[in-house]
Structure formats: C-alpha cells, structure tokens
C-alpha atoms as a PDB file:
ATOM      1  CA  MET A   1      16.094-131.270  -5.343  1.00  0.00           C
ATOM      2  CA  MET A   2      13.293-133.277  -6.934  1.00  0.00           C
ATOM      3  CA  ILE A   3      14.003-136.858  -7.951  1.00  0.00           C
ATOM      4  CA  ASP A   4      11.567-139.063  -9.810  1.00  0.00           C
ATOM      5  CA  SER A   5      12.271-142.283  -7.979  1.00  0.00           C
ATOM      6  CA  HIS A   6      10.279-144.624 -10.218  1.00  0.00           C
ATOM      7  CA  CYS A   7       9.814-143.844 -13.902  1.00  0.00           C
ATOM      8  CA  HIS A   8       9.924-146.553 -16.559  1.00  0.00           C
ATOM      9  CA  PHE A   9      11.491-144.003 -18.886  1.00  0.00           C
ATOM     10  CA  ASP A  10      12.624-146.732 -21.302  1.00  0.00           C
ATOM     11  CA  ALA A  11       9.048-147.966 -21.873  1.00  0.00           C
ATOM     12  CA  PRO A  12       7.806-147.963 -25.463  1.00  0.00           C
ATOM     13  CA  GLU A  13       5.042-145.558 -24.466  1.00  0.00           C
ATOM     14  CA  PHE A  14       7.739-142.866 -24.360  1.00  0.00           C
ATOM     15  CA  ASP A  15       9.268-143.687 -27.757  1.00  0.00           C
ATOM     16  CA  ALA A  16       7.335-141.029 -29.672  1.00  0.00           C
ATOM     17  CA  ASP A  17       8.083-138.130 -27.326  1.00  0.00           C
ATOM     18  CA  ARG A  18      10.773-139.230 -24.823  1.00  0.00           C
ATOM     19  CA  ALA A  19      12.944-136.163 -25.450  1.00  0.00           C
ATOM     20  CA  ASP A  20       9.997-133.838 -24.920  1.00  0.00           C
ATOM     21  CA  VAL A  21       8.928-135.657 -21.742  1.00  0.00           C
ATOM     22  CA  HIS A  22      12.486-135.373 -20.457  1.00  0.00           C
ATOM     23  CA  ARG A  23      12.659-131.675 -21.292  1.00  0.00           C
ATOM     24  CA  ARG A  24       9.374-130.994 -19.494  1.00  0.00           C
ATOM     25  CA  ALA A  25      10.472-132.968 -16.432  1.00  0.00           C
ATOM     26  CA  VAL A  26      13.716-131.010 -16.186  1.00  0.00           C
ATOM     27  CA  LYS A  27      11.881-127.727 -16.760  1.00  0.00           C
ATOM     28  CA  SER A  28       9.522-128.679 -13.919  1.00  0.00           C
ATOM     29  CA  GLY A  29      12.453-129.155 -11.553  1.00  0.00           C
ATOM     30  CA  VAL A  30      13.083-132.897 -11.774  1.00  0.00           C
ATOM     31  CA  GLU A  31      16.849-133.182 -11.501  1.00  0.00           C
ATOM     32  CA  LYS A  32      17.233-136.955 -11.503  1.00  0.00           C
ATOM     33  CA  ILE A  33      15.188-139.893 -12.751  1.00  0.00           C
ATOM     34  CA  VAL A  34      15.571-143.426 -11.425  1.00  0.00           C
ATOM     35  CA  SER A  35      14.373-145.835 -14.074  1.00  0.00           C
ATOM     36  CA  PRO A  36      13.764-149.413 -12.877  1.00  0.00           C
ATOM     37  CA  ALA A  37      13.887-152.312 -15.297  1.00  0.00           C
ATOM     38  CA  ILE A  38      10.927-154.583 -15.880  1.00  0.00           C
ATOM     39  CA  THR A  39      12.388-157.786 -17.352  1.00  0.00           C
ATOM     40  CA  ALA A  40      15.792-159.114 -18.351  1.00  0.00           C
ATOM     41  CA  ALA A  41      14.895-158.468 -21.972  1.00  0.00           C
ATOM     42  CA  SER A  42      14.423-154.767 -21.188  1.00  0.00           C
ATOM     43  CA  TRP A  43      17.933-154.157 -19.826  1.00  0.00           C
ATOM     44  CA  PRO A  44      19.559-153.249 -23.181  1.00  0.00           C
ATOM     45  CA  GLN A  45      16.843-150.679 -23.977  1.00  0.00           C
ATOM     46  CA  LEU A  46      17.118-149.228 -20.484  1.00  0.00           C
ATOM     47  CA  LYS A  47      20.883-148.946 -20.873  1.00  0.00           C
ATOM     48  CA  SER A  48      20.469-147.247 -24.257  1.00  0.00           C
ATOM     49  CA  VAL A  49      17.953-144.703 -22.987  1.00  0.00           C
ATOM     50  CA  ALA A  50      19.951-143.923 -19.838  1.00  0.00           C
ATOM     51  CA  SER A  51      23.098-143.373 -21.909  1.00  0.00           C
ATOM     52  CA  LYS A  52      21.328-140.547 -23.754  1.00  0.00           C
ATOM     53  CA  TYR A  53      20.281-138.642 -20.617  1.00  0.00           C
ATOM     54  CA  ALA A  54      22.884-137.872 -17.958  1.00  0.00           C
ATOM     55  CA  ASN A  55      20.274-137.527 -15.232  1.00  0.00           C
ATOM     56  CA  VAL A  56      18.525-140.861 -15.905  1.00  0.00           C
ATOM     57  CA  PHE A  57      19.836-143.655 -13.700  1.00  0.00           C
ATOM     58  CA  PRO A  58      19.059-147.236 -14.692  1.00  0.00           C
ATOM     59  CA  CYS A  59      18.086-149.626 -11.950  1.00  0.00           C
ATOM     60  CA  TYR A  60      18.523-153.114 -13.368  1.00  0.00           C
ATOM     61  CA  GLY A  61      16.382-155.814 -11.882  1.00  0.00           C
ATOM     62  CA  LEU A  62      13.291-157.948 -12.299  1.00  0.00           C
ATOM     63  CA  HIS A  63      10.056-156.109 -11.615  1.00  0.00           C
ATOM     64  CA  PRO A  64       7.833-158.075  -9.229  1.00  0.00           C
ATOM     65  CA  MET A  65       4.652-157.219 -11.130  1.00  0.00           C
ATOM     66  CA  PHE A  66       5.994-159.315 -14.024  1.00  0.00           C
ATOM     67  CA  ILE A  67       6.994-162.328 -11.945  1.00  0.00           C
ATOM     68  CA  ASP A  68       5.504-164.749 -14.495  1.00  0.00           C
ATOM     69  CA  GLU A  69       8.032-163.544 -17.071  1.00  0.00           C
ATOM     70  CA  HIS A  70      11.069-164.222 -14.867  1.00  0.00           C
ATOM     71  CA  ASN A  71      12.939-167.431 -14.168  1.00  0.00           C
ATOM     72  CA  ASN A  72      15.876-168.487 -12.010  1.00  0.00           C
ATOM     73  CA  ALA A  73      18.344-168.035 -14.876  1.00  0.00           C
ATOM     74  CA  HIS A  74      17.459-164.349 -14.956  1.00  0.00           C
ATOM     75  CA  LEU A  75      18.939-163.941 -11.468  1.00  0.00           C
ATOM     76  CA  LYS A  76      22.321-165.168 -12.718  1.00  0.00           C
ATOM     77  CA  SER A  77      21.958-162.955 -15.777  1.00  0.00           C
ATOM     78  CA  LEU A  78      21.200-159.986 -13.528  1.00  0.00           C
ATOM     79  CA  GLU A  79      24.317-160.613 -11.476  1.00  0.00           C
ATOM     80  CA  ALA A  80      26.448-160.778 -14.632  1.00  0.00           C
ATOM     81  CA  TRP A  81      24.785-157.701 -16.146  1.00  0.00           C
ATOM     82  CA  VAL A  82      25.295-155.571 -13.047  1.00  0.00           C
ATOM     83  CA  SER A  83      28.906-156.730 -12.703  1.00  0.00           C
ATOM     84  CA  ALA A  84      29.580-155.780 -16.311  1.00  0.00           C
ATOM     85  CA  GLU A  85      27.973-152.358 -15.827  1.00  0.00           C
ATOM     86  CA  ASN A  86      30.164-151.446 -12.832  1.00  0.00           C
END
C-alpha cells in the first residue's frame, strides 16, 4: 500500500485541479493521503477538502515552517478543534 504521508492537499495551488490530482494519485497506487494543516486559519478548508475524499486524512496542527503566524492561543484552539472533531 502506498500512502502519501505529507501532502498539503487543501492548499490553494490545488483548487483548479484538485479532483484531477486526486484521480491521478489513486490511479498511480496512492491509497491514502495524510494532509497536515499549516495554520489555525487553514483548518476549516482542510476539513472541507478531506470530507470530499474518503482517503484524505486531515492532520490538524500548526506547521513549524509558519511559526511566525502562530500564537499561544492557537494551541488552545487546536485542542478544542481536535476534541470537536473526535
């Protein structure tokens, strides 16, 4: 089984052809896609995209490459978001 363990599938760069990218990935043998969040503001979009594709698994969090966009309140928000999603 092939799993894409890090694809920002909710990124706006995929907006124009997300369905086609997904189709090609599946056709190539990718059975699951783990899609990590970038910022707190991106969680709703990630949830929306993942809800459309059964094999896309959202990984909510705060991406370390965007540390300047995060603050301590986002950690509490993350805890609440993940609790609500379970």
